[in-house]
Amino acid sequence: ANNACSRFFGHSPEQYFGRLASELHTDYKQKLEFLMDVLNSRSYLERDEYFPMTGLYTHWILYSPEKDEVIGLFLDSTETVKANMALDRSEKLFKNIFANIPAGGEIYDKDGYLVDINDKELEIFGLADKNGALGINLFNNPNIPLEVKEKLKAKEDVNFSINYDFSKIKQ
């Protein structure tokens, strides 16, 4: 064990020497089973684990170069995991707001294709479900002025309103 390992597990390297796994970890049976899987594998195995004692998230890569030997590389993935968790919370919040806002909303991808539409917008356009609308391209919509489309393609901010003429839309 090195200092990085002890930082993850919360034990000094000296605490590992001459000790059984059952003395160091409460979930040692699972860890031993995983180590046995590594020993029996002809390749490497990966695993993610959170250590409550240190508050760190890790990504493990373990392999067995020789009989009865396991080498483990432990990567600190704490910042990545926390960033993903924050992004997940943010995405859930956005989706909740998007779904429940009392105004119509549409989300287009970078190429102008409709990827989502909220229920209020379905109501405004008289659509029964979003599947009939998903995939339409904003840039092919004759109701949107050309200068607006050009600004959108150039990734410029644009604020506009239109009187929607349904007769311009091809079926």
N, C-alpha and C. Protein backbone atom coordinates (compact mmCIF):
# COMPACT_ATOMS: atom_id res chain seq x y z
N ALA A 1 0.85 -1.18 0.00
CA ALA A 1 0.00 0.00 0.00
C ALA A 1 0.89 1.23 0.00
N ASN A 2 0.46 2.24 -0.76
CA ASN A 2 1.20 3.50 -0.76
C ASN A 2 0.33 4.60 -0.15
N ASN A 3 0.86 5.81 -0.11
CA ASN A 3 0.14 6.92 0.51
C ASN A 3 -1.18 7.24 -0.20
N ALA A 4 -1.20 7.11 -1.52
CA ALA A 4 -2.44 7.37 -2.26
C ALA A 4 -3.52 6.37 -1.85
N CYS A 5 -3.14 5.11 -1.72
CA CYS A 5 -4.08 4.07 -1.30
C CYS A 5 -4.62 4.39 0.10
N SER A 6 -3.74 4.79 1.00
CA SER A 6 -4.19 5.09 2.36
C SER A 6 -5.09 6.33 2.37
N ARG A 7 -4.87 7.24 1.44
CA ARG A 7 -5.74 8.42 1.34
C ARG A 7 -7.16 7.99 0.98
N PHE A 8 -7.31 7.00 0.10
CA PHE A 8 -8.64 6.52 -0.28
C PHE A 8 -9.30 5.74 0.85
N PHE A 9 -8.56 4.78 1.38
CA PHE A 9 -9.12 3.87 2.39
C PHE A 9 -9.18 4.46 3.78
N GLY A 10 -8.32 5.44 4.06
CA GLY A 10 -8.33 6.05 5.38
C GLY A 10 -7.45 5.35 6.39
N HIS A 11 -6.53 4.52 5.94
CA HIS A 11 -5.58 3.82 6.82
C HIS A 11 -4.17 4.13 6.34
N SER A 12 -3.24 4.25 7.28
CA SER A 12 -1.85 4.48 6.88
C SER A 12 -1.30 3.19 6.27
N PRO A 13 -0.28 3.30 5.40
CA PRO A 13 0.29 2.09 4.79
C PRO A 13 0.75 1.07 5.84
N GLU A 14 1.27 1.53 6.97
CA GLU A 14 1.74 0.62 8.01
C GLU A 14 0.60 -0.22 8.60
N GLN A 15 -0.61 0.32 8.59
CA GLN A 15 -1.76 -0.40 9.13
C GLN A 15 -2.12 -1.62 8.29
N TYR A 16 -1.64 -1.68 7.06
CA TYR A 16 -1.97 -2.81 6.18
C TYR A 16 -1.06 -4.02 6.41
N PHE A 17 0.18 -3.77 6.75
CA PHE A 17 1.16 -4.84 6.83
C PHE A 17 0.80 -5.85 7.92
N GLY A 18 0.75 -7.12 7.53
CA GLY A 18 0.49 -8.20 8.46
C GLY A 18 -0.93 -8.26 8.99
N ARG A 19 -1.86 -7.55 8.34
CA ARG A 19 -3.24 -7.50 8.81
C ARG A 19 -4.14 -8.23 7.82
N LEU A 20 -5.20 -8.79 8.33
CA LEU A 20 -6.21 -9.44 7.49
C LEU A 20 -7.19 -8.38 6.97
N ALA A 21 -7.73 -8.66 5.81
CA ALA A 21 -8.71 -7.74 5.23
C ALA A 21 -9.89 -7.54 6.17
N SER A 22 -10.28 -8.59 6.89
CA SER A 22 -11.41 -8.50 7.81
C SER A 22 -11.13 -7.53 8.96
N GLU A 23 -9.87 -7.26 9.22
CA GLU A 23 -9.51 -6.31 10.28
C GLU A 23 -9.56 -4.86 9.78
N LEU A 24 -9.49 -4.69 8.47
CA LEU A 24 -9.42 -3.35 7.90
C LEU A 24 -10.75 -2.86 7.31
N HIS A 25 -11.54 -3.78 6.80
CA HIS A 25 -12.74 -3.37 6.06
C HIS A 25 -13.95 -4.16 6.52
N THR A 26 -15.07 -3.47 6.72
CA THR A 26 -16.30 -4.16 7.13
C THR A 26 -16.88 -4.99 6.00
N ASP A 27 -16.67 -4.56 4.76
CA ASP A 27 -17.20 -5.29 3.60
C ASP A 27 -16.11 -6.13 2.94
N TYR A 28 -15.23 -6.69 3.74
CA TYR A 28 -14.07 -7.39 3.21
C TYR A 28 -14.44 -8.60 2.34
N LYS A 29 -15.58 -9.26 2.63
CA LYS A 29 -15.96 -10.44 1.84
C LYS A 29 -16.17 -10.06 0.38
N GLN A 30 -16.86 -8.95 0.16
CA GLN A 30 -17.08 -8.50 -1.22
C GLN A 30 -15.75 -8.15 -1.89
N LYS A 31 -14.88 -7.48 -1.15
CA LYS A 31 -13.58 -7.11 -1.71
C LYS A 31 -12.75 -8.36 -2.03
N LEU A 32 -12.78 -9.35 -1.14
CA LEU A 32 -12.04 -10.57 -1.40
C LEU A 32 -12.59 -11.33 -2.60
N GLU A 33 -13.91 -11.35 -2.73
CA GLU A 33 -14.52 -12.00 -3.90
C GLU A 33 -14.08 -11.30 -5.18
N PHE A 34 -14.04 -9.98 -5.14
CA PHE A 34 -13.60 -9.22 -6.30
C PHE A 34 -12.13 -9.53 -6.60
N LEU A 35 -11.30 -9.59 -5.58
CA LEU A 35 -9.89 -9.92 -5.79
C LEU A 35 -9.72 -11.32 -6.35
N MET A 36 -10.56 -12.25 -5.90
CA MET A 36 -10.51 -13.62 -6.45
C MET A 36 -10.92 -13.61 -7.93
N ASP A 37 -11.90 -12.79 -8.26
CA ASP A 37 -12.30 -12.65 -9.67
C ASP A 37 -11.13 -12.13 -10.50
N VAL A 38 -10.39 -11.18 -9.93
CA VAL A 38 -9.22 -10.65 -10.63
C VAL A 38 -8.17 -11.74 -10.81
N LEU A 39 -7.91 -12.50 -9.75
CA LEU A 39 -6.91 -13.58 -9.84
C LEU A 39 -7.30 -14.62 -10.89
N ASN A 40 -8.59 -14.92 -10.99
CA ASN A 40 -9.06 -15.94 -11.93
C ASN A 40 -9.26 -15.40 -13.34
N SER A 41 -9.22 -14.11 -13.48
CA SER A 41 -9.43 -13.49 -14.79
C SER A 41 -8.12 -13.50 -15.57
N ARG A 42 -8.22 -13.55 -16.84
CA ARG A 42 -7.03 -13.47 -17.69
C ARG A 42 -6.88 -12.06 -18.25
N SER A 43 -7.61 -11.15 -17.66
CA SER A 43 -7.59 -9.77 -18.13
C SER A 43 -7.59 -8.85 -16.91
N TYR A 44 -8.06 -7.66 -17.05
CA TYR A 44 -8.17 -6.74 -15.93
C TYR A 44 -9.65 -6.54 -15.62
N LEU A 45 -9.94 -6.10 -14.43
CA LEU A 45 -11.31 -5.78 -14.03
C LEU A 45 -11.34 -4.36 -13.51
N GLU A 46 -12.47 -3.72 -13.69
CA GLU A 46 -12.64 -2.34 -13.23
C GLU A 46 -13.81 -2.26 -12.27
N ARG A 47 -13.74 -1.26 -11.41
CA ARG A 47 -14.79 -1.10 -10.41
C ARG A 47 -14.77 0.35 -9.93
N ASP A 48 -15.94 0.84 -9.56
CA ASP A 48 -16.06 2.16 -8.96
C ASP A 48 -16.49 1.97 -7.51
N GLU A 49 -15.93 2.78 -6.63
CA GLU A 49 -16.30 2.64 -5.22
C GLU A 49 -16.22 3.99 -4.52
N TYR A 50 -17.14 4.17 -3.60
CA TYR A 50 -17.15 5.35 -2.73
C TYR A 50 -16.66 4.92 -1.35
N PHE A 51 -15.81 5.72 -0.75
CA PHE A 51 -15.28 5.44 0.58
C PHE A 51 -15.85 6.46 1.56
N PRO A 52 -16.85 6.05 2.33
CA PRO A 52 -17.47 7.00 3.27
C PRO A 52 -16.50 7.54 4.32
N MET A 53 -15.52 6.73 4.69
CA MET A 53 -14.55 7.15 5.71
C MET A 53 -13.75 8.38 5.26
N THR A 54 -13.47 8.46 3.97
CA THR A 54 -12.68 9.58 3.44
C THR A 54 -13.50 10.51 2.55
N GLY A 55 -14.69 10.07 2.15
CA GLY A 55 -15.54 10.87 1.27
C GLY A 55 -15.05 10.91 -0.16
N LEU A 56 -14.23 9.94 -0.55
CA LEU A 56 -13.67 9.93 -1.90
C LEU A 56 -14.33 8.87 -2.77
N TYR A 57 -14.43 9.20 -4.06
CA TYR A 57 -14.90 8.26 -5.07
C TYR A 57 -13.68 7.80 -5.84
N THR A 58 -13.64 6.51 -6.15
CA THR A 58 -12.48 5.98 -6.86
C THR A 58 -12.91 5.10 -8.02
N HIS A 59 -12.02 5.00 -8.96
CA HIS A 59 -12.16 4.05 -10.07
C HIS A 59 -10.97 3.11 -9.96
N TRP A 60 -11.25 1.83 -9.89
CA TRP A 60 -10.21 0.83 -9.74
C TRP A 60 -9.95 0.14 -11.06
N ILE A 61 -8.69 -0.15 -11.31
CA ILE A 61 -8.30 -1.04 -12.40
C ILE A 61 -7.37 -2.07 -11.75
N LEU A 62 -7.79 -3.33 -11.74
CA LEU A 62 -7.00 -4.37 -11.10
C LEU A 62 -6.68 -5.48 -12.09
N TYR A 63 -5.50 -6.02 -11.95
CA TYR A 63 -5.10 -7.14 -12.79
C TYR A 63 -4.14 -8.03 -12.01
N SER A 64 -3.96 -9.23 -12.51
CA SER A 64 -3.09 -10.20 -11.85
C SER A 64 -1.98 -10.60 -12.83
N PRO A 65 -0.79 -10.02 -12.66
CA PRO A 65 0.29 -10.35 -13.59
C PRO A 65 0.89 -11.74 -13.35
N GLU A 66 0.77 -12.23 -12.11
CA GLU A 66 1.30 -13.55 -11.77
C GLU A 66 0.35 -14.22 -10.80
N LYS A 67 0.49 -15.54 -10.68
CA LYS A 67 -0.34 -16.31 -9.76
C LYS A 67 -0.23 -15.72 -8.34
N ASP A 68 -1.36 -15.57 -7.69
CA ASP A 68 -1.43 -15.06 -6.32
C ASP A 68 -0.91 -13.63 -6.15
N GLU A 69 -0.99 -12.84 -7.22
CA GLU A 69 -0.57 -11.44 -7.13
C GLU A 69 -1.61 -10.57 -7.81
N VAL A 70 -2.00 -9.50 -7.15
CA VAL A 70 -2.95 -8.54 -7.71
C VAL A 70 -2.35 -7.15 -7.62
N ILE A 71 -2.44 -6.45 -8.72
CA ILE A 71 -1.98 -5.07 -8.75
C ILE A 71 -3.22 -4.21 -8.98
N GLY A 72 -3.34 -3.19 -8.17
CA GLY A 72 -4.49 -2.31 -8.29
C GLY A 72 -4.08 -0.88 -8.50
N LEU A 73 -4.72 -0.25 -9.45
CA LEU A 73 -4.53 1.18 -9.68
C LEU A 73 -5.83 1.85 -9.24
N PHE A 74 -5.72 2.80 -8.34
CA PHE A 74 -6.88 3.49 -7.81
C PHE A 74 -6.81 4.93 -8.28
N LEU A 75 -7.79 5.33 -9.02
CA LEU A 75 -7.84 6.70 -9.53
C LEU A 75 -8.88 7.48 -8.74
N ASP A 76 -8.52 8.67 -8.32
CA ASP A 76 -9.45 9.52 -7.59
C ASP A 76 -10.42 10.14 -8.60
N SER A 77 -11.66 9.70 -8.55
CA SER A 77 -12.68 10.22 -9.48
C SER A 77 -13.68 11.13 -8.77
N THR A 78 -13.31 11.61 -7.58
CA THR A 78 -14.23 12.41 -6.75
C THR A 78 -14.74 13.63 -7.48
N GLU A 79 -13.86 14.42 -8.07
CA GLU A 79 -14.29 15.65 -8.74
C GLU A 79 -15.21 15.35 -9.92
N THR A 80 -14.87 14.31 -10.68
CA THR A 80 -15.70 13.93 -11.83
C THR A 80 -17.07 13.45 -11.38
N VAL A 81 -17.11 12.61 -10.36
CA VAL A 81 -18.39 12.10 -9.85
C VAL A 81 -19.24 13.24 -9.32
N LYS A 82 -18.63 14.13 -8.54
CA LYS A 82 -19.38 15.26 -7.99
C LYS A 82 -19.88 16.18 -9.08
N ALA A 83 -19.07 16.40 -10.11
CA ALA A 83 -19.51 17.23 -11.23
C ALA A 83 -20.68 16.57 -11.96
N ASN A 84 -20.60 15.25 -12.16
CA ASN A 84 -21.70 14.53 -12.81
C ASN A 84 -22.97 14.56 -11.96
N MET A 85 -22.81 14.46 -10.64
CA MET A 85 -23.97 14.52 -9.75
C MET A 85 -24.62 15.90 -9.81
N ALA A 86 -23.81 16.95 -9.83
CA ALA A 86 -24.33 18.31 -9.92
C ALA A 86 -25.02 18.53 -11.27
N LEU A 87 -24.42 18.01 -12.33
CA LEU A 87 -25.02 18.12 -13.65
C LEU A 87 -26.35 17.37 -13.70
N ASP A 88 -26.39 16.19 -13.09
CA ASP A 88 -27.62 15.40 -13.04
C ASP A 88 -28.72 16.15 -12.30
N ARG A 89 -28.38 16.74 -11.14
CA ARG A 89 -29.36 17.53 -10.39
C ARG A 89 -29.85 18.71 -11.21
N SER A 90 -28.91 19.39 -11.87
CA SER A 90 -29.26 20.55 -12.69
C SER A 90 -30.16 20.14 -13.85
N GLU A 91 -29.85 19.02 -14.49
CA GLU A 91 -30.66 18.54 -15.60
C GLU A 91 -32.06 18.17 -15.14
N LYS A 92 -32.16 17.52 -13.98
CA LYS A 92 -33.48 17.16 -13.45
C LYS A 92 -34.30 18.41 -13.12
N LEU A 93 -33.64 19.42 -12.56
CA LEU A 93 -34.32 20.67 -12.25
C LEU A 93 -34.81 21.34 -13.53
N PHE A 94 -33.94 21.41 -14.54
CA PHE A 94 -34.34 22.00 -15.82
C PHE A 94 -35.52 21.25 -16.42
N LYS A 95 -35.45 19.92 -16.44
CA LYS A 95 -36.54 19.13 -17.01
C LYS A 95 -37.84 19.35 -16.26
N ASN A 96 -37.76 19.49 -14.94
CA ASN A 96 -38.96 19.74 -14.14
C ASN A 96 -39.55 21.11 -14.48
N ILE A 97 -38.70 22.12 -14.56
CA ILE A 97 -39.17 23.47 -14.92
C ILE A 97 -39.74 23.45 -16.33
N PHE A 98 -39.03 22.86 -17.27
CA PHE A 98 -39.47 22.81 -18.67
C PHE A 98 -40.83 22.13 -18.79
N ALA A 99 -41.01 21.05 -18.07
CA ALA A 99 -42.27 20.29 -18.15
C ALA A 99 -43.43 21.04 -17.51
N ASN A 100 -43.16 21.83 -16.47
CA ASN A 100 -44.24 22.41 -15.68
C ASN A 100 -44.45 23.91 -15.84
N ILE A 101 -43.61 24.57 -16.60
CA ILE A 101 -43.76 26.01 -16.79
C ILE A 101 -45.07 26.28 -17.55
N PRO A 102 -45.79 27.33 -17.17
CA PRO A 102 -47.07 27.59 -17.85
C PRO A 102 -46.91 28.33 -19.17
N ALA A 103 -45.82 28.08 -19.86
CA ALA A 103 -45.57 28.69 -21.18
C ALA A 103 -45.05 27.59 -22.09
N GLY A 104 -45.34 27.72 -23.36
CA GLY A 104 -44.87 26.74 -24.32
C GLY A 104 -43.36 26.79 -24.46
N GLY A 105 -42.75 25.63 -24.67
CA GLY A 105 -41.31 25.57 -24.83
C GLY A 105 -40.91 24.49 -25.80
N GLU A 106 -39.87 24.78 -26.55
CA GLU A 106 -39.32 23.82 -27.51
C GLU A 106 -37.81 23.80 -27.34
N ILE A 107 -37.21 22.64 -27.54
CA ILE A 107 -35.75 22.50 -27.48
C ILE A 107 -35.29 21.91 -28.81
N TYR A 108 -34.35 22.61 -29.41
CA TYR A 108 -33.78 22.19 -30.69
C TYR A 108 -32.31 21.84 -30.51
N ASP A 109 -31.81 20.90 -31.30
CA ASP A 109 -30.38 20.60 -31.25
C ASP A 109 -29.62 21.63 -32.09
N LYS A 110 -28.32 21.51 -32.13
CA LYS A 110 -27.48 22.50 -32.82
C LYS A 110 -27.75 22.58 -34.32
N ASP A 111 -28.33 21.53 -34.88
CA ASP A 111 -28.64 21.53 -36.31
C ASP A 111 -30.07 21.99 -36.59
N GLY A 112 -30.79 22.39 -35.55
CA GLY A 112 -32.14 22.93 -35.73
C GLY A 112 -33.26 21.91 -35.63
N TYR A 113 -32.95 20.68 -35.25
CA TYR A 113 -33.99 19.65 -35.14
C TYR A 113 -34.64 19.69 -33.76
N LEU A 114 -35.96 19.63 -33.73
CA LEU A 114 -36.71 19.63 -32.49
C LEU A 114 -36.48 18.32 -31.75
N VAL A 115 -35.96 18.43 -30.51
CA VAL A 115 -35.68 17.24 -29.72
C VAL A 115 -36.63 17.11 -28.52
N ASP A 116 -37.29 18.20 -28.15
CA ASP A 116 -38.27 18.10 -27.06
C ASP A 116 -39.23 19.27 -27.14
N ILE A 117 -40.41 19.04 -26.62
CA ILE A 117 -41.47 20.05 -26.60
C ILE A 117 -42.28 19.81 -25.34
N ASN A 118 -42.63 20.88 -24.63
CA ASN A 118 -43.35 20.65 -23.38
C ASN A 118 -44.87 20.56 -23.64
N ASP A 119 -45.58 20.16 -22.58
CA ASP A 119 -47.03 19.93 -22.71
C ASP A 119 -47.79 21.21 -23.06
N LYS A 120 -47.36 22.34 -22.51
CA LYS A 120 -48.06 23.60 -22.81
C LYS A 120 -47.94 23.92 -24.29
N GLU A 121 -46.78 23.67 -24.88
CA GLU A 121 -46.59 23.92 -26.31
C GLU A 121 -47.45 22.97 -27.15
N LEU A 122 -47.58 21.73 -26.71
CA LEU A 122 -48.47 20.79 -27.40
C LEU A 122 -49.90 21.32 -27.39
N GLU A 123 -50.30 21.84 -26.24
CA GLU A 123 -51.65 22.41 -26.11
C GLU A 123 -51.82 23.61 -27.04
N ILE A 124 -50.83 24.49 -27.08
CA ILE A 124 -50.89 25.68 -27.92
C ILE A 124 -51.05 25.30 -29.40
N PHE A 125 -50.29 24.28 -29.82
CA PHE A 125 -50.34 23.88 -31.23
C PHE A 125 -51.39 22.81 -31.50
N GLY A 126 -52.13 22.40 -30.49
CA GLY A 126 -53.20 21.42 -30.68
C GLY A 126 -52.71 20.04 -31.04
N LEU A 127 -51.56 19.66 -30.52
CA LEU A 127 -50.99 18.35 -30.81
C LEU A 127 -51.33 17.37 -29.69
N ALA A 128 -51.64 16.13 -30.06
CA ALA A 128 -51.98 15.11 -29.07
C ALA A 128 -50.75 14.60 -28.34
N ASP A 129 -49.63 14.43 -29.06
CA ASP A 129 -48.39 14.01 -28.41
C ASP A 129 -47.20 14.58 -29.18
N LYS A 130 -46.06 14.57 -28.55
CA LYS A 130 -44.88 15.20 -29.12
C LYS A 130 -44.26 14.43 -30.27
N ASN A 131 -44.54 13.14 -30.39
CA ASN A 131 -43.89 12.32 -31.42
C ASN A 131 -44.13 12.83 -32.84
N GLY A 132 -45.28 13.43 -33.07
CA GLY A 132 -45.56 13.97 -34.40
C GLY A 132 -44.74 15.19 -34.73
N ALA A 133 -44.23 15.86 -33.71
CA ALA A 133 -43.48 17.09 -33.94
C ALA A 133 -41.96 16.89 -33.86
N LEU A 134 -41.52 15.93 -33.07
CA LEU A 134 -40.08 15.74 -32.89
C LEU A 134 -39.41 15.46 -34.23
N GLY A 135 -38.26 16.07 -34.40
CA GLY A 135 -37.50 15.85 -35.63
C GLY A 135 -37.71 16.91 -36.69
N ILE A 136 -38.73 17.77 -36.52
CA ILE A 136 -38.88 18.84 -37.52
C ILE A 136 -37.70 19.79 -37.38
N ASN A 137 -37.39 20.48 -38.47
CA ASN A 137 -36.23 21.35 -38.46
C ASN A 137 -36.67 22.81 -38.44
N LEU A 138 -36.18 23.52 -37.46
CA LEU A 138 -36.46 24.94 -37.27
C LEU A 138 -36.08 25.75 -38.50
N PHE A 139 -34.98 25.37 -39.14
CA PHE A 139 -34.48 26.13 -40.27
C PHE A 139 -35.31 25.93 -41.54
N ASN A 140 -36.18 24.93 -41.54
CA ASN A 140 -37.08 24.70 -42.67
C ASN A 140 -38.45 25.33 -42.46
N ASN A 141 -38.65 25.97 -41.32
CA ASN A 141 -39.95 26.55 -40.99
C ASN A 141 -40.11 27.89 -41.72
N PRO A 142 -41.08 27.98 -42.65
CA PRO A 142 -41.26 29.22 -43.42
C PRO A 142 -41.80 30.38 -42.58
N ASN A 143 -42.26 30.13 -41.38
CA ASN A 143 -42.77 31.21 -40.52
C ASN A 143 -41.64 31.99 -39.85
N ILE A 144 -40.47 31.42 -39.79
CA ILE A 144 -39.36 32.09 -39.11
C ILE A 144 -38.58 32.91 -40.13
N PRO A 145 -38.42 34.21 -39.88
CA PRO A 145 -37.72 35.08 -40.83
C PRO A 145 -36.28 34.62 -41.08
N LEU A 146 -35.83 34.83 -42.29
CA LEU A 146 -34.49 34.42 -42.71
C LEU A 146 -33.40 35.00 -41.82
N GLU A 147 -33.52 36.28 -41.45
CA GLU A 147 -32.48 36.90 -40.61
C GLU A 147 -32.41 36.25 -39.23
N VAL A 148 -33.51 35.76 -38.72
CA VAL A 148 -33.52 35.05 -37.45
C VAL A 148 -32.80 33.72 -37.62
N LYS A 149 -33.09 33.01 -38.69
CA LYS A 149 -32.43 31.73 -38.95
C LYS A 149 -30.92 31.91 -39.08
N GLU A 150 -30.50 32.99 -39.79
CA GLU A 150 -29.07 33.24 -39.97
C GLU A 150 -28.38 33.52 -38.64
N LYS A 151 -29.04 34.30 -37.77
CA LYS A 151 -28.45 34.58 -36.45
C LYS A 151 -28.36 33.31 -35.62
N LEU A 152 -29.38 32.47 -35.68
CA LEU A 152 -29.35 31.21 -34.95
C LEU A 152 -28.23 30.31 -35.44
N LYS A 153 -28.08 30.22 -36.76
CA LYS A 153 -27.00 29.40 -37.32
C LYS A 153 -25.63 29.92 -36.92
N ALA A 154 -25.52 31.24 -36.76
CA ALA A 154 -24.26 31.88 -36.35
C ALA A 154 -24.09 31.83 -34.83
N LYS A 155 -25.04 31.19 -34.14
CA LYS A 155 -25.01 31.05 -32.67
C LYS A 155 -25.05 32.39 -31.96
N GLU A 156 -25.77 33.33 -32.57
CA GLU A 156 -25.98 34.65 -31.95
C GLU A 156 -27.29 34.62 -31.17
N ASP A 157 -27.34 35.45 -30.14
CA ASP A 157 -28.59 35.60 -29.41
C ASP A 157 -29.60 36.29 -30.31
N VAL A 158 -30.82 35.83 -30.21
CA VAL A 158 -31.87 36.43 -31.03
C VAL A 158 -33.18 36.42 -30.24
N ASN A 159 -33.89 37.53 -30.35
CA ASN A 159 -35.17 37.67 -29.69
C ASN A 159 -36.17 38.06 -30.77
N PHE A 160 -37.21 37.27 -30.92
CA PHE A 160 -38.18 37.56 -31.97
C PHE A 160 -39.54 37.02 -31.60
N SER A 161 -40.54 37.58 -32.24
CA SER A 161 -41.89 37.04 -32.12
C SER A 161 -42.46 36.95 -33.53
N ILE A 162 -43.35 36.01 -33.73
CA ILE A 162 -43.95 35.82 -35.06
C ILE A 162 -45.44 35.55 -34.92
N ASN A 163 -46.15 35.93 -35.94
CA ASN A 163 -47.55 35.50 -36.07
C ASN A 163 -47.51 34.23 -36.87
N TYR A 164 -47.82 33.13 -36.23
CA TYR A 164 -47.66 31.83 -36.85
C TYR A 164 -48.77 31.57 -37.86
N ASP A 165 -48.39 31.35 -39.10
CA ASP A 165 -49.35 31.08 -40.18
C ASP A 165 -49.27 29.60 -40.51
N PHE A 166 -50.23 28.83 -40.03
CA PHE A 166 -50.22 27.39 -40.24
C PHE A 166 -50.39 27.02 -41.72
N SER A 167 -50.95 27.91 -42.51
CA SER A 167 -51.14 27.58 -43.93
C SER A 167 -49.81 27.51 -44.68
N LYS A 168 -48.74 28.08 -44.12
CA LYS A 168 -47.42 28.03 -44.74
C LYS A 168 -46.72 26.68 -44.52
N ILE A 169 -47.21 25.92 -43.56
CA ILE A 169 -46.58 24.65 -43.21
C ILE A 169 -47.09 23.55 -44.12
N LYS A 170 -46.15 22.84 -44.75
CA LYS A 170 -46.51 21.72 -45.62
C LYS A 170 -46.80 20.50 -44.76
N GLN A 171 -47.78 19.76 -45.13
CA GLN A 171 -48.15 18.56 -44.37
C GLN A 171 -47.24 17.41 -44.70
